[in-house]
Amino acid sequence: MTLPEKLLPKLSEWHPAGAGRHSLSAVAPDTGWTVQLTADKADTLSCLVWELALTRTAEPPAGLTLKAWAEGVVTRVTGLLEPLKLLEVDDARGAALLRSAAPSMKGEAVAYYEVRLSGLDRADVRRFTATRTASGREQVGFALTHEVLAKLAGDIAG
């Protein structure tokens, strides 16, 4: 089974109780990944995602480089509001940064996705808003259906 096929039933069965932020950890050893989802809300069809984190639990494919993984993520991820682009690969730090190619505009505010790859072992997905008139940015939740969320995890895992 693929990572999305393993993750989708876990998302559908997840019914956190009470207000506040909740976490779901999905271990899929035969896929080589663990998925950690933090969400502000979850229902039978979707989640208001705060953060999606994937951790590789198996050896990465032979010959895989950080740049190749990042470029693959940019190519495969198609279910977000904005396509991603590769901004930076820092081999010395073992980190890569991907962001929305063209952030969404709403008045003075912009919103964009950010994917950080750490080595060949971890990926973190978040969404931020910022304004052109003030410095700084704020992390915000983003709504995804369970199907899109499972596909996103699979697209990042490769």
Protein backbone atom coordinates (compact mmCIF):
# COMPACT_ATOMS: atom_id res chain seq x y z
CA MET A 1 0.00 0.00 0.00
CA THR A 2 1.12 3.53 -0.71
CA LEU A 3 1.41 6.25 1.91
CA PRO A 4 -1.82 7.98 0.75
CA GLU A 5 -3.67 4.64 0.85
CA LYS A 6 -2.45 4.06 4.43
CA LEU A 7 -3.15 7.63 5.57
CA LEU A 8 -6.64 8.18 4.13
CA PRO A 9 -8.48 5.68 6.40
CA LYS A 10 -6.65 7.03 9.47
CA LEU A 11 -7.81 10.55 8.60
CA SER A 12 -11.40 9.38 8.04
CA GLU A 13 -11.42 7.59 11.42
CA TRP A 14 -9.88 10.52 13.30
CA HIS A 15 -12.48 12.41 15.34
CA PRO A 16 -10.73 14.62 17.90
CA ALA A 17 -12.93 15.78 20.75
CA GLY A 18 -13.02 19.25 22.24
CA ALA A 19 -11.75 22.62 21.18
CA GLY A 20 -8.15 23.46 20.46
CA ARG A 21 -5.36 22.00 18.44
CA HIS A 22 -5.17 18.22 18.04
CA SER A 23 -2.51 15.87 16.69
CA LEU A 24 -2.62 12.64 14.75
CA SER A 25 0.41 10.43 14.30
CA ALA A 26 0.23 7.85 11.53
CA VAL A 27 3.03 5.31 11.38
CA ALA A 28 3.30 3.48 8.07
CA PRO A 29 6.46 1.36 8.42
CA ASP A 30 6.04 -0.47 5.11
CA THR A 31 6.05 2.91 3.29
CA GLY A 32 9.11 4.16 5.17
CA TRP A 33 7.33 7.22 6.60
CA THR A 34 5.61 8.55 9.70
CA VAL A 35 3.11 11.38 9.30
CA GLN A 36 2.39 13.86 12.09
CA LEU A 37 -0.63 16.08 11.52
CA THR A 38 -1.56 18.99 13.76
CA ALA A 39 -5.00 20.49 13.08
CA ASP A 40 -7.26 23.09 14.64
CA LYS A 41 -10.39 21.29 13.40
CA ALA A 42 -11.18 17.95 11.82
CA ASP A 43 -14.42 16.49 10.53
CA THR A 44 -15.43 13.51 8.43
CA LEU A 45 -14.19 15.08 5.17
CA SER A 46 -11.48 17.64 5.94
CA CYS A 47 -9.06 19.26 8.37
CA LEU A 48 -7.99 22.79 9.20
CA VAL A 49 -4.29 21.94 9.14
CA TRP A 50 -1.81 23.80 11.31
CA GLU A 51 1.19 21.70 10.31
CA LEU A 52 1.94 18.54 8.38
CA ALA A 53 5.25 16.81 9.16
CA LEU A 54 6.67 13.74 7.47
CA THR A 55 9.60 11.80 8.90
CA ARG A 56 11.41 9.14 6.90
CA THR A 57 11.79 5.91 8.89
CA ALA A 58 13.66 3.93 6.23
CA GLU A 59 16.83 4.56 4.30
CA PRO A 60 16.39 7.11 1.51
CA PRO A 61 16.64 5.79 -2.04
CA ALA A 62 20.21 5.30 -3.22
CA GLY A 63 21.58 8.37 -4.95
CA LEU A 64 18.81 10.70 -3.76
CA THR A 65 20.02 14.25 -3.15
CA LEU A 66 18.31 17.04 -1.27
CA LYS A 67 18.00 19.07 -4.47
CA ALA A 68 16.47 16.14 -6.36
CA TRP A 69 13.95 15.52 -3.56
CA ALA A 70 13.02 19.23 -3.48
CA GLU A 71 12.62 19.39 -7.25
CA GLY A 72 10.49 16.26 -7.17
CA VAL A 73 8.22 17.76 -4.51
CA VAL A 74 7.73 20.88 -6.65
CA THR A 75 6.78 18.72 -9.63
CA ARG A 76 4.50 16.27 -7.78
CA VAL A 77 2.53 18.57 -5.43
CA THR A 78 -0.55 19.73 -7.32
CA GLY A 79 -3.35 19.88 -4.73
CA LEU A 80 -2.53 23.16 -2.98
CA LEU A 81 -4.03 26.56 -3.79
CA GLU A 82 -0.74 27.73 -5.29
CA PRO A 83 1.97 25.67 -6.97
CA LEU A 84 5.29 25.44 -5.14
CA LYS A 85 8.69 26.63 -6.30
CA LEU A 86 12.15 25.81 -4.99
CA LEU A 87 13.71 28.87 -3.36
CA GLU A 88 16.89 27.52 -1.80
CA VAL A 89 18.94 24.39 -1.26
CA ASP A 90 21.62 24.70 1.41
CA ASP A 91 23.65 21.50 1.24
CA ALA A 92 25.96 22.64 4.06
CA ARG A 93 22.98 22.86 6.46
CA GLY A 94 21.10 20.03 4.81
CA ALA A 95 18.01 22.16 4.25
CA ALA A 96 15.80 23.14 1.35
CA LEU A 97 13.04 25.76 1.25
CA LEU A 98 10.01 25.67 -1.04
CA ARG A 99 7.26 28.29 -1.13
CA SER A 100 4.20 29.16 -3.14
CA ALA A 101 5.24 30.33 -6.60
CA ALA A 102 2.72 33.19 -6.48
CA PRO A 103 1.13 33.88 -3.08
CA SER A 104 -2.61 34.45 -2.82
CA MET A 105 -3.56 38.10 -2.43
CA LYS A 106 -6.41 39.35 -0.25
CA GLY A 107 -6.33 43.12 0.13
CA GLU A 108 -2.97 44.05 1.65
CA ALA A 109 -2.31 40.51 2.84
CA VAL A 110 -0.56 37.67 1.07
CA ALA A 111 -0.80 34.00 1.99
CA TYR A 112 1.65 31.29 0.98
CA TYR A 113 2.65 27.72 1.70
CA GLU A 114 6.11 26.88 2.94
CA VAL A 115 7.72 23.45 2.80
CA ARG A 116 11.00 22.92 4.65
CA LEU A 117 13.03 19.84 3.92
CA SER A 118 15.58 18.83 6.55
CA GLY A 119 18.17 16.48 5.18
CA LEU A 120 16.56 13.54 3.41
CA ASP A 121 14.59 12.65 6.53
CA ARG A 122 11.97 15.31 7.27
CA ALA A 123 9.50 17.64 5.60
CA ASP A 124 7.31 20.27 7.30
CA VAL A 125 4.39 22.02 5.59
CA ARG A 126 2.90 25.25 6.95
CA ARG A 127 0.97 28.27 5.66
CA PHE A 128 1.74 31.90 6.47
CA THR A 129 0.20 35.31 5.96
CA ALA A 130 1.99 38.62 5.80
CA THR A 131 1.22 42.18 4.79
CA ARG A 132 3.24 44.43 2.57
CA THR A 133 2.99 47.26 5.10
CA ALA A 134 4.22 45.47 8.24
CA SER A 135 7.24 43.31 8.92
CA GLY A 136 6.92 39.72 10.00
CA ARG A 137 4.55 36.93 9.17
CA GLU A 138 1.97 34.82 10.97
CA GLN A 139 1.37 31.10 10.68
CA VAL A 140 -2.25 30.24 9.83
CA GLY A 141 -4.28 27.08 9.38
CA PHE A 142 -5.24 25.84 5.92
CA ALA A 143 -8.17 23.66 4.96
CA LEU A 144 -7.62 20.45 3.02
CA THR A 145 -9.91 17.52 2.37
CA HIS A 146 -8.64 14.19 3.66
CA GLU A 147 -8.05 13.03 0.09
CA VAL A 148 -5.94 16.08 -0.78
CA LEU A 149 -4.05 15.81 2.51
CA ALA A 150 -3.21 12.14 1.90
CA LYS A 151 -2.11 12.96 -1.66
CA LEU A 152 0.06 15.83 -0.39
CA ALA A 153 1.84 13.49 2.03
CA GLY A 154 2.41 10.98 -0.77
CA ASP A 155 3.64 13.67 -3.16
CA ILE A 156 6.18 14.90 -0.63
CA ALA A 157 7.31 11.38 0.24
CA GLY A 158 7.81 10.69 -3.45
